[in-house]
All heavy atoms as atom14 arrays in JSON, in Angstrom:
{
  "sequence": "FFPKLTQQSQVDNLYLFDIAPIQIKQVKKKIPQQVIDNKCQFF",
  "atom14_mask": [
    [1, 1, 1, 1, 1, 1, 1, 1, 1, 1, 1, 0, 0, 0],
    [1, 1, 1, 1, 1, 1, 1, 1, 1, 1, 1, 0, 0, 0],
    [1, 1, 1, 1, 1, 1, 1, 0, 0, 0, 0, 0, 0, 0],
    [1, 1, 1, 1, 1, 1, 1, 1, 1, 0, 0, 0, 0, 0],
    [1, 1, 1, 1, 1, 1, 1, 1, 0, 0, 0, 0, 0, 0],
    [1, 1, 1, 1, 1, 1, 1, 0, 0, 0, 0, 0, 0, 0],
    [1, 1, 1, 1, 1, 1, 1, 1, 1, 0, 0, 0, 0, 0],
    [1, 1, 1, 1, 1, 1, 1, 1, 1, 0, 0, 0, 0, 0],
    [1, 1, 1, 1, 1, 1, 0, 0, 0, 0, 0, 0, 0, 0],
    [1, 1, 1, 1, 1, 1, 1, 1, 1, 0, 0, 0, 0, 0],
    [1, 1, 1, 1, 1, 1, 1, 0, 0, 0, 0, 0, 0, 0],
    [1, 1, 1, 1, 1, 1, 1, 1, 0, 0, 0, 0, 0, 0],
    [1, 1, 1, 1, 1, 1, 1, 1, 0, 0, 0, 0, 0, 0],
    [1, 1, 1, 1, 1, 1, 1, 1, 0, 0, 0, 0, 0, 0],
    [1, 1, 1, 1, 1, 1, 1, 1, 1, 1, 1, 1, 0, 0],
    [1, 1, 1, 1, 1, 1, 1, 1, 0, 0, 0, 0, 0, 0],
    [1, 1, 1, 1, 1, 1, 1, 1, 1, 1, 1, 0, 0, 0],
    [1, 1, 1, 1, 1, 1, 1, 1, 0, 0, 0, 0, 0, 0],
    [1, 1, 1, 1, 1, 1, 1, 1, 0, 0, 0, 0, 0, 0],
    [1, 1, 1, 1, 1, 0, 0, 0, 0, 0, 0, 0, 0, 0],
    [1, 1, 1, 1, 1, 1, 1, 0, 0, 0, 0, 0, 0, 0],
    [1, 1, 1, 1, 1, 1, 1, 1, 0, 0, 0, 0, 0, 0],
    [1, 1, 1, 1, 1, 1, 1, 1, 1, 0, 0, 0, 0, 0],
    [1, 1, 1, 1, 1, 1, 1, 1, 0, 0, 0, 0, 0, 0],
    [1, 1, 1, 1, 1, 1, 1, 1, 1, 0, 0, 0, 0, 0],
    [1, 1, 1, 1, 1, 1, 1, 1, 1, 0, 0, 0, 0, 0],
    [1, 1, 1, 1, 1, 1, 1, 0, 0, 0, 0, 0, 0, 0],
    [1, 1, 1, 1, 1, 1, 1, 1, 1, 0, 0, 0, 0, 0],
    [1, 1, 1, 1, 1, 1, 1, 1, 1, 0, 0, 0, 0, 0],
    [1, 1, 1, 1, 1, 1, 1, 1, 1, 0, 0, 0, 0, 0],
    [1, 1, 1, 1, 1, 1, 1, 1, 0, 0, 0, 0, 0, 0],
    [1, 1, 1, 1, 1, 1, 1, 0, 0, 0, 0, 0, 0, 0],
    [1, 1, 1, 1, 1, 1, 1, 1, 1, 0, 0, 0, 0, 0],
    [1, 1, 1, 1, 1, 1, 1, 1, 1, 0, 0, 0, 0, 0],
    [1, 1, 1, 1, 1, 1, 1, 0, 0, 0, 0, 0, 0, 0],
    [1, 1, 1, 1, 1, 1, 1, 1, 0, 0, 0, 0, 0, 0],
    [1, 1, 1, 1, 1, 1, 1, 1, 0, 0, 0, 0, 0, 0],
    [1, 1, 1, 1, 1, 1, 1, 1, 0, 0, 0, 0, 0, 0],
    [1, 1, 1, 1, 1, 1, 1, 1, 1, 0, 0, 0, 0, 0],
    [1, 1, 1, 1, 1, 1, 0, 0, 0, 0, 0, 0, 0, 0],
    [1, 1, 1, 1, 1, 1, 1, 1, 1, 0, 0, 0, 0, 0],
    [1, 1, 1, 1, 1, 1, 1, 1, 1, 1, 1, 0, 0, 0],
    [1, 1, 1, 1, 1, 1, 1, 1, 1, 1, 1, 0, 0, 0]
  ],
  "atom14_positions": [
    [[7.48, -14.82, 4.2], [7.96, -14.25, 2.93], [7.09, -13.19, 2.34], [7.44, -12.04, 2.19], [8.28, -15.32, 1.89], [8.53, -14.83, 0.59], [9.7, -14.02, 0.3], [7.58, -14.99, -0.6], [9.92, -13.55, -0.98], [7.79, -14.43, -1.78], [9.03, -13.75, -2.03], [0.0, 0.0, 0.0], [0.0, 0.0, 0.0], [0.0, 0.0, 0.0]],
    [[5.78, -13.48, 2.15], [4.85, -12.47, 1.49], [4.55, -11.46, 2.47], [4.47, -10.18, 2.11], [3.68, -13.23, 0.96], [3.9, -13.81, -0.39], [3.69, -15.18, -0.54], [4.34, -13.13, -1.46], [3.89, -15.84, -1.81], [4.51, -13.63, -2.7], [4.33, -15.03, -2.87], [0.0, 0.0, 0.0], [0.0, 0.0, 0.0], [0.0, 0.0, 0.0]],
    [[4.26, -11.65, 3.82], [4.14, -10.55, 4.68], [5.26, -9.64, 4.76], [5.13, -8.33, 4.86], [3.93, -11.3, 6.08], [3.33, -12.54, 5.68], [3.94, -13.0, 4.52], [0.0, 0.0, 0.0], [0.0, 0.0, 0.0], [0.0, 0.0, 0.0], [0.0, 0.0, 0.0], [0.0, 0.0, 0.0], [0.0, 0.0, 0.0], [0.0, 0.0, 0.0]],
    [[6.47, -10.19, 4.77], [7.63, -9.33, 4.7], [7.72, -8.44, 3.45], [8.19, -7.29, 3.48], [8.91, -10.13, 4.88], [10.29, -9.32, 4.92], [11.43, -10.2, 5.16], [11.41, -10.84, 6.54], [12.64, -11.6, 6.82], [0.0, 0.0, 0.0], [0.0, 0.0, 0.0], [0.0, 0.0, 0.0], [0.0, 0.0, 0.0], [0.0, 0.0, 0.0]],
    [[7.32, -9.06, 2.31], [7.38, -8.34, 1.06], [6.44, -7.16, 1.09], [6.72, -6.12, 0.44], [7.01, -9.36, -0.1], [7.31, -8.92, -1.44], [8.88, -8.73, -1.64], [6.88, -10.0, -2.44], [0.0, 0.0, 0.0], [0.0, 0.0, 0.0], [0.0, 0.0, 0.0], [0.0, 0.0, 0.0], [0.0, 0.0, 0.0], [0.0, 0.0, 0.0]],
    [[5.26, -7.34, 1.7], [4.36, -6.2, 1.75], [4.87, -5.03, 2.55], [4.43, -3.81, 2.39], [3.08, -6.65, 2.49], [3.26, -6.9, 3.85], [2.4, -7.76, 1.8], [0.0, 0.0, 0.0], [0.0, 0.0, 0.0], [0.0, 0.0, 0.0], [0.0, 0.0, 0.0], [0.0, 0.0, 0.0], [0.0, 0.0, 0.0], [0.0, 0.0, 0.0]],
    [[5.87, -5.21, 3.36], [6.46, -4.17, 4.14], [7.46, -3.32, 3.42], [7.87, -2.21, 3.87], [7.19, -4.72, 5.38], [6.24, -5.48, 6.41], [7.07, -6.23, 7.47], [8.18, -5.97, 7.66], [6.48, -7.24, 8.03], [0.0, 0.0, 0.0], [0.0, 0.0, 0.0], [0.0, 0.0, 0.0], [0.0, 0.0, 0.0], [0.0, 0.0, 0.0]],
    [[7.8, -3.76, 2.19], [8.88, -3.03, 1.48], [8.22, -1.88, 0.62], [7.25, -1.99, -0.05], [9.55, -4.05, 0.56], [10.0, -5.3, 1.12], [10.83, -5.13, 2.41], [11.79, -4.38, 2.41], [10.5, -5.8, 3.48], [0.0, 0.0, 0.0], [0.0, 0.0, 0.0], [0.0, 0.0, 0.0], [0.0, 0.0, 0.0], [0.0, 0.0, 0.0]],
    [[8.94, -0.81, 0.78], [8.41, 0.5, 0.03], [8.54, 0.21, -1.49], [7.82, 0.97, -2.18], [9.27, 1.7, 0.45], [10.59, 1.52, 0.09], [0.0, 0.0, 0.0], [0.0, 0.0, 0.0], [0.0, 0.0, 0.0], [0.0, 0.0, 0.0], [0.0, 0.0, 0.0], [0.0, 0.0, 0.0], [0.0, 0.0, 0.0], [0.0, 0.0, 0.0]],
    [[9.4, -0.71, -1.94], [9.52, -0.9, -3.35], [8.31, -1.61, -3.99], [8.16, -1.67, -5.18], [10.78, -1.69, -3.64], [12.07, -0.89, -3.34], [12.56, -1.31, -1.91], [11.72, -1.63, -1.13], [13.78, -1.08, -1.61], [0.0, 0.0, 0.0], [0.0, 0.0, 0.0], [0.0, 0.0, 0.0], [0.0, 0.0, 0.0], [0.0, 0.0, 0.0]],
    [[7.54, -2.17, -3.09], [6.27, -2.89, -3.61], [5.01, -2.04, -3.46], [4.64, -1.72, -2.3], [6.11, -4.25, -2.88], [4.82, -4.94, -3.29], [7.38, -5.1, -3.1], [0.0, 0.0, 0.0], [0.0, 0.0, 0.0], [0.0, 0.0, 0.0], [0.0, 0.0, 0.0], [0.0, 0.0, 0.0], [0.0, 0.0, 0.0], [0.0, 0.0, 0.0]],
    [[4.57, -1.56, -4.56], [3.36, -0.68, -4.47], [2.03, -1.5, -4.26], [1.14, -1.07, -3.6], [3.21, 0.11, -5.83], [4.27, 1.27, -5.81], [4.88, 1.63, -4.82], [4.36, 1.77, -6.98], [0.0, 0.0, 0.0], [0.0, 0.0, 0.0], [0.0, 0.0, 0.0], [0.0, 0.0, 0.0], [0.0, 0.0, 0.0], [0.0, 0.0, 0.0]],
    [[1.99, -2.61, -4.95], [0.83, -3.5, -4.93], [1.24, -4.98, -4.88], [2.18, -5.37, -5.64], [-0.11, -3.27, -6.14], [-0.63, -1.87, -6.2], [-0.16, -1.16, -7.0], [-1.61, -1.52, -5.44], [0.0, 0.0, 0.0], [0.0, 0.0, 0.0], [0.0, 0.0, 0.0], [0.0, 0.0, 0.0], [0.0, 0.0, 0.0], [0.0, 0.0, 0.0]],
    [[0.59, -5.76, -4.09], [0.82, -7.19, -4.03], [-0.45, -7.9, -4.33], [-1.47, -7.69, -3.57], [1.41, -7.64, -2.71], [1.59, -9.04, -2.52], [2.66, -9.58, -3.49], [2.03, -9.46, -1.15], [0.0, 0.0, 0.0], [0.0, 0.0, 0.0], [0.0, 0.0, 0.0], [0.0, 0.0, 0.0], [0.0, 0.0, 0.0], [0.0, 0.0, 0.0]],
    [[-0.59, -8.7, -5.21], [-1.74, -9.52, -5.66], [-1.39, -10.95, -5.25], [-0.49, -11.53, -5.8], [-1.95, -9.44, -7.1], [-2.24, -7.97, -7.66], [-1.08, -7.23, -8.19], [-3.35, -7.37, -7.54], [-1.34, -5.95, -8.59], [-3.55, -6.07, -8.02], [-2.41, -5.28, -8.53], [-2.65, -4.09, -8.91], [0.0, 0.0, 0.0], [0.0, 0.0, 0.0]],
    [[-2.19, -11.55, -4.33], [-1.93, -12.87, -3.91], [-3.06, -13.81, -4.35], [-4.23, -13.56, -4.1], [-1.8, -12.92, -2.37], [-0.39, -12.62, -1.77], [-0.45, -12.53, -0.32], [0.57, -13.67, -2.23], [0.0, 0.0, 0.0], [0.0, 0.0, 0.0], [0.0, 0.0, 0.0], [0.0, 0.0, 0.0], [0.0, 0.0, 0.0], [0.0, 0.0, 0.0]],
    [[-2.64, -14.93, -4.79], [-3.56, -15.95, -5.34], [-3.4, -17.21, -4.55], [-2.34, -17.67, -4.29], [-3.33, -16.15, -6.88], [-3.59, -15.11, -7.75], [-2.69, -13.97, -7.86], [-4.72, -15.04, -8.5], [-2.96, -12.95, -8.67], [-5.05, -13.97, -9.3], [-4.18, -12.88, -9.42], [0.0, 0.0, 0.0], [0.0, 0.0, 0.0], [0.0, 0.0, 0.0]],
    [[-4.61, -17.85, -4.3], [-4.59, -19.27, -3.76], [-5.93, -19.76, -3.96], [-7.02, -19.1, -3.95], [-4.22, -19.23, -2.23], [-3.54, -20.52, -1.94], [-4.26, -21.54, -1.81], [-2.32, -20.52, -1.68], [0.0, 0.0, 0.0], [0.0, 0.0, 0.0], [0.0, 0.0, 0.0], [0.0, 0.0, 0.0], [0.0, 0.0, 0.0], [0.0, 0.0, 0.0]],
    [[-5.96, -21.06, -4.23], [-7.22, -21.82, -4.36], [-8.0, -22.17, -3.13], [-9.16, -22.44, -3.1], [-7.0, -23.04, -5.34], [-8.4, -23.59, -5.74], [-6.21, -24.08, -4.52], [-9.2, -22.7, -6.55], [0.0, 0.0, 0.0], [0.0, 0.0, 0.0], [0.0, 0.0, 0.0], [0.0, 0.0, 0.0], [0.0, 0.0, 0.0], [0.0, 0.0, 0.0]],
    [[-7.16, -22.18, -2.01], [-7.8, -22.6, -0.74], [-8.16, -21.39, 0.18], [-7.34, -20.63, 0.51], [-6.8, -23.5, 0.09], [0.0, 0.0, 0.0], [0.0, 0.0, 0.0], [0.0, 0.0, 0.0], [0.0, 0.0, 0.0], [0.0, 0.0, 0.0], [0.0, 0.0, 0.0], [0.0, 0.0, 0.0], [0.0, 0.0, 0.0], [0.0, 0.0, 0.0]],
    [[-9.39, -21.18, 0.46], [-9.83, -20.14, 1.35], [-9.02, -20.07, 2.61], [-8.77, -18.97, 3.17], [-11.37, -20.36, 1.6], [-11.74, -21.11, 0.33], [-10.58, -22.0, 0.02], [0.0, 0.0, 0.0], [0.0, 0.0, 0.0], [0.0, 0.0, 0.0], [0.0, 0.0, 0.0], [0.0, 0.0, 0.0], [0.0, 0.0, 0.0], [0.0, 0.0, 0.0]],
    [[-8.72, -21.19, 3.25], [-7.97, -21.2, 4.47], [-6.6, -20.59, 4.32], [-6.08, -20.01, 5.31], [-7.89, -22.62, 5.05], [-7.49, -22.53, 6.53], [-7.03, -23.55, 4.24], [-7.56, -23.9, 7.24], [0.0, 0.0, 0.0], [0.0, 0.0, 0.0], [0.0, 0.0, 0.0], [0.0, 0.0, 0.0], [0.0, 0.0, 0.0], [0.0, 0.0, 0.0]],
    [[-5.96, -20.7, 3.21], [-4.7, -20.15, 2.98], [-4.76, -18.65, 2.8], [-3.88, -17.9, 3.32], [-4.04, -20.75, 1.76], [-3.65, -22.24, 1.79], [-2.54, -22.43, 2.94], [-1.69, -21.58, 2.97], [-2.66, -23.6, 3.54], [0.0, 0.0, 0.0], [0.0, 0.0, 0.0], [0.0, 0.0, 0.0], [0.0, 0.0, 0.0], [0.0, 0.0, 0.0]],
    [[-5.78, -18.08, 2.16], [-5.88, -16.64, 2.05], [-6.2, -16.11, 3.49], [-5.7, -15.08, 3.79], [-7.01, -16.28, 1.07], [-6.57, -16.67, -0.39], [-7.32, -14.8, 1.18], [-7.52, -16.43, -1.41], [0.0, 0.0, 0.0], [0.0, 0.0, 0.0], [0.0, 0.0, 0.0], [0.0, 0.0, 0.0], [0.0, 0.0, 0.0], [0.0, 0.0, 0.0]],
    [[-7.04, -16.7, 4.19], [-7.37, -16.31, 5.55], [-6.15, -16.26, 6.4], [-5.9, -15.34, 7.19], [-8.42, -17.26, 6.12], [-8.9, -16.81, 7.57], [-9.95, -17.8, 8.1], [-10.38, -17.41, 9.49], [-11.34, -18.36, 9.99], [0.0, 0.0, 0.0], [0.0, 0.0, 0.0], [0.0, 0.0, 0.0], [0.0, 0.0, 0.0], [0.0, 0.0, 0.0]],
    [[-5.28, -17.27, 6.24], [-4.1, -17.34, 7.04], [-3.06, -16.37, 6.77], [-2.52, -15.68, 7.69], [-3.51, -18.75, 6.85], [-2.39, -19.15, 7.81], [-2.76, -19.43, 9.29], [-4.0, -19.51, 9.54], [-1.83, -19.43, 10.19], [0.0, 0.0, 0.0], [0.0, 0.0, 0.0], [0.0, 0.0, 0.0], [0.0, 0.0, 0.0], [0.0, 0.0, 0.0]],
    [[-2.82, -16.02, 5.55], [-1.8, -15.08, 5.2], [-2.31, -13.65, 5.53], [-1.56, -12.86, 6.0], [-1.47, -15.06, 3.7], [-2.51, -14.4, 2.84], [-0.07, -14.44, 3.39], [0.0, 0.0, 0.0], [0.0, 0.0, 0.0], [0.0, 0.0, 0.0], [0.0, 0.0, 0.0], [0.0, 0.0, 0.0], [0.0, 0.0, 0.0], [0.0, 0.0, 0.0]],
    [[-3.67, -13.39, 5.54], [-4.21, -12.11, 5.96], [-3.87, -11.81, 7.44], [-3.73, -10.67, 7.92], [-5.65, -12.04, 5.75], [-6.04, -11.79, 4.3], [-7.58, -11.77, 4.19], [-8.02, -11.32, 2.69], [-9.46, -11.23, 2.58], [0.0, 0.0, 0.0], [0.0, 0.0, 0.0], [0.0, 0.0, 0.0], [0.0, 0.0, 0.0], [0.0, 0.0, 0.0]],
    [[-3.9, -12.94, 8.25], [-3.59, -12.69, 9.63], [-2.23, -12.15, 9.98], [-1.91, -11.55, 10.99], [-3.62, -14.1, 10.44], [-4.99, -14.78, 10.55], [-5.0, -16.08, 11.12], [-6.39, -16.72, 11.23], [-6.25, -18.08, 11.82], [0.0, 0.0, 0.0], [0.0, 0.0, 0.0], [0.0, 0.0, 0.0], [0.0, 0.0, 0.0], [0.0, 0.0, 0.0]],
    [[-1.25, -12.36, 9.0], [0.12, -11.92, 9.16], [0.43, -10.54, 8.6], [1.65, -10.13, 8.61], [0.97, -13.0, 8.6], [0.92, -14.41, 9.35], [1.75, -15.46, 8.67], [1.26, -15.9, 7.32], [2.06, -16.95, 6.72], [0.0, 0.0, 0.0], [0.0, 0.0, 0.0], [0.0, 0.0, 0.0], [0.0, 0.0, 0.0], [0.0, 0.0, 0.0]],
    [[-0.54, -9.9, 8.01], [-0.3, -8.65, 7.3], [-1.23, -7.6, 8.07], [-2.41, -7.78, 8.2], [-0.68, -8.61, 5.87], [0.19, -9.76, 5.14], [-0.38, -7.35, 5.22], [-0.22, -10.02, 3.66], [0.0, 0.0, 0.0], [0.0, 0.0, 0.0], [0.0, 0.0, 0.0], [0.0, 0.0, 0.0], [0.0, 0.0, 0.0], [0.0, 0.0, 0.0]],
    [[-0.65, -6.48, 8.48], [-1.42, -5.48, 9.15], [-2.58, -5.03, 8.26], [-2.36, -4.85, 7.03], [-0.4, -4.31, 9.44], [0.88, -5.11, 9.51], [0.81, -6.14, 8.43], [0.0, 0.0, 0.0], [0.0, 0.0, 0.0], [0.0, 0.0, 0.0], [0.0, 0.0, 0.0], [0.0, 0.0, 0.0], [0.0, 0.0, 0.0], [0.0, 0.0, 0.0]],
    [[-3.74, -4.68, 8.9], [-4.89, -4.3, 8.08], [-4.68, -3.02, 7.25], [-5.1, -3.01, 6.06], [-6.12, -4.11, 9.01], [-7.35, -3.8, 8.26], [-7.84, -5.04, 7.38], [-7.83, -6.15, 7.76], [-8.22, -4.74, 6.15], [0.0, 0.0, 0.0], [0.0, 0.0, 0.0], [0.0, 0.0, 0.0], [0.0, 0.0, 0.0], [0.0, 0.0, 0.0]],
    [[-3.88, -2.18, 7.77], [-3.61, -0.9, 7.04], [-2.83, -1.25, 5.76], [-3.15, -0.59, 4.66], [-2.89, 0.07, 7.91], [-2.65, 1.47, 7.12], [-1.87, 2.45, 8.02], [-1.54, 2.15, 9.27], [-1.62, 3.6, 7.51], [0.0, 0.0, 0.0], [0.0, 0.0, 0.0], [0.0, 0.0, 0.0], [0.0, 0.0, 0.0], [0.0, 0.0, 0.0]],
    [[-1.84, -2.1, 5.83], [-1.16, -2.61, 4.73], [-1.94, -3.27, 3.63], [-1.88, -3.11, 2.49], [0.11, -3.5, 5.14], [0.86, -3.98, 3.9], [1.03, -2.71, 6.04], [0.0, 0.0, 0.0], [0.0, 0.0, 0.0], [0.0, 0.0, 0.0], [0.0, 0.0, 0.0], [0.0, 0.0, 0.0], [0.0, 0.0, 0.0], [0.0, 0.0, 0.0]],
    [[-2.94, -4.14, 4.18], [-3.85, -4.88, 3.26], [-4.68, -3.85, 2.54], [-4.85, -3.85, 1.33], [-4.73, -5.66, 4.1], [-3.91, -6.96, 4.61], [-5.96, -6.22, 3.2], [-4.78, -7.93, 5.47], [0.0, 0.0, 0.0], [0.0, 0.0, 0.0], [0.0, 0.0, 0.0], [0.0, 0.0, 0.0], [0.0, 0.0, 0.0], [0.0, 0.0, 0.0]],
    [[-5.21, -2.76, 3.28], [-6.0, -1.77, 2.61], [-5.21, -0.94, 1.63], [-5.82, -0.53, 0.56], [-6.6, -0.82, 3.68], [-7.53, -1.48, 4.66], [-8.07, -2.52, 4.38], [-7.74, -0.96, 5.77], [0.0, 0.0, 0.0], [0.0, 0.0, 0.0], [0.0, 0.0, 0.0], [0.0, 0.0, 0.0], [0.0, 0.0, 0.0], [0.0, 0.0, 0.0]],
    [[-3.98, -0.7, 1.86], [-3.22, 0.18, 0.94], [-2.66, -0.51, -0.2], [-2.46, 0.17, -1.3], [-2.07, 0.8, 1.69], [-2.52, 1.84, 2.79], [-3.65, 2.3, 2.69], [-1.71, 2.04, 3.85], [0.0, 0.0, 0.0], [0.0, 0.0, 0.0], [0.0, 0.0, 0.0], [0.0, 0.0, 0.0], [0.0, 0.0, 0.0], [0.0, 0.0, 0.0]],
    [[-2.27, -1.85, -0.11], [-1.5, -2.35, -1.28], [-1.72, -3.78, -1.6], [-1.13, -4.34, -2.48], [-0.06, -2.25, -1.0], [0.55, -2.9, 0.23], [2.1, -2.95, 0.25], [2.71, -1.63, 0.34], [4.25, -1.64, 0.39], [0.0, 0.0, 0.0], [0.0, 0.0, 0.0], [0.0, 0.0, 0.0], [0.0, 0.0, 0.0], [0.0, 0.0, 0.0]],
    [[-2.68, -4.51, -0.88], [-2.89, -5.88, -1.11], [-4.23, -6.23, -1.81], [-5.25, -5.55, -1.37], [-2.71, -6.69, 0.2], [-1.1, -6.64, 0.9], [0.0, 0.0, 0.0], [0.0, 0.0, 0.0], [0.0, 0.0, 0.0], [0.0, 0.0, 0.0], [0.0, 0.0, 0.0], [0.0, 0.0, 0.0], [0.0, 0.0, 0.0], [0.0, 0.0, 0.0]],
    [[-4.3, -7.11, -2.68], [-5.56, -7.71, -3.18], [-5.45, -9.26, -3.2], [-4.28, -9.78, -3.49], [-5.83, -7.26, -4.64], [-6.19, -5.85, -4.69], [-6.65, -5.42, -6.06], [-7.45, -6.05, -6.67], [-6.21, -4.26, -6.57], [0.0, 0.0, 0.0], [0.0, 0.0, 0.0], [0.0, 0.0, 0.0], [0.0, 0.0, 0.0], [0.0, 0.0, 0.0]],
    [[-6.47, -9.96, -2.78], [-6.41, -11.31, -2.66], [-7.42, -11.99, -3.62], [-8.53, -11.4, -3.77], [-6.77, -11.73, -1.23], [-5.8, -11.29, -0.22], [-6.06, -9.98, 0.36], [-4.65, -11.96, 0.13], [-5.15, -9.46, 1.28], [-3.77, -11.36, 1.07], [-3.95, -10.18, 1.65], [0.0, 0.0, 0.0], [0.0, 0.0, 0.0], [0.0, 0.0, 0.0]],
    [[-7.05, -13.11, -4.25], [-7.79, -13.75, -5.28], [-8.0, -15.23, -4.92], [-6.99, -15.94, -4.78], [-7.22, -13.64, -6.63], [-7.07, -12.28, -7.14], [-6.04, -11.37, -6.68], [-8.03, -11.63, -7.96], [-5.86, -10.08, -7.17], [-7.93, -10.38, -8.42], [-6.83, -9.61, -8.0], [0.0, 0.0, 0.0], [0.0, 0.0, 0.0], [0.0, 0.0, 0.0]]
  ]
}
């Protein structure tokens, strides 16, 4: 769901929150690095 959302041109920025480091690490694996650099922030 969230990796697919990052691919949409209508989404300029995606801020993703999770309390578990393993969950943030896991979702990052599914999003291309260029997309992460351009529009994603993780908390």
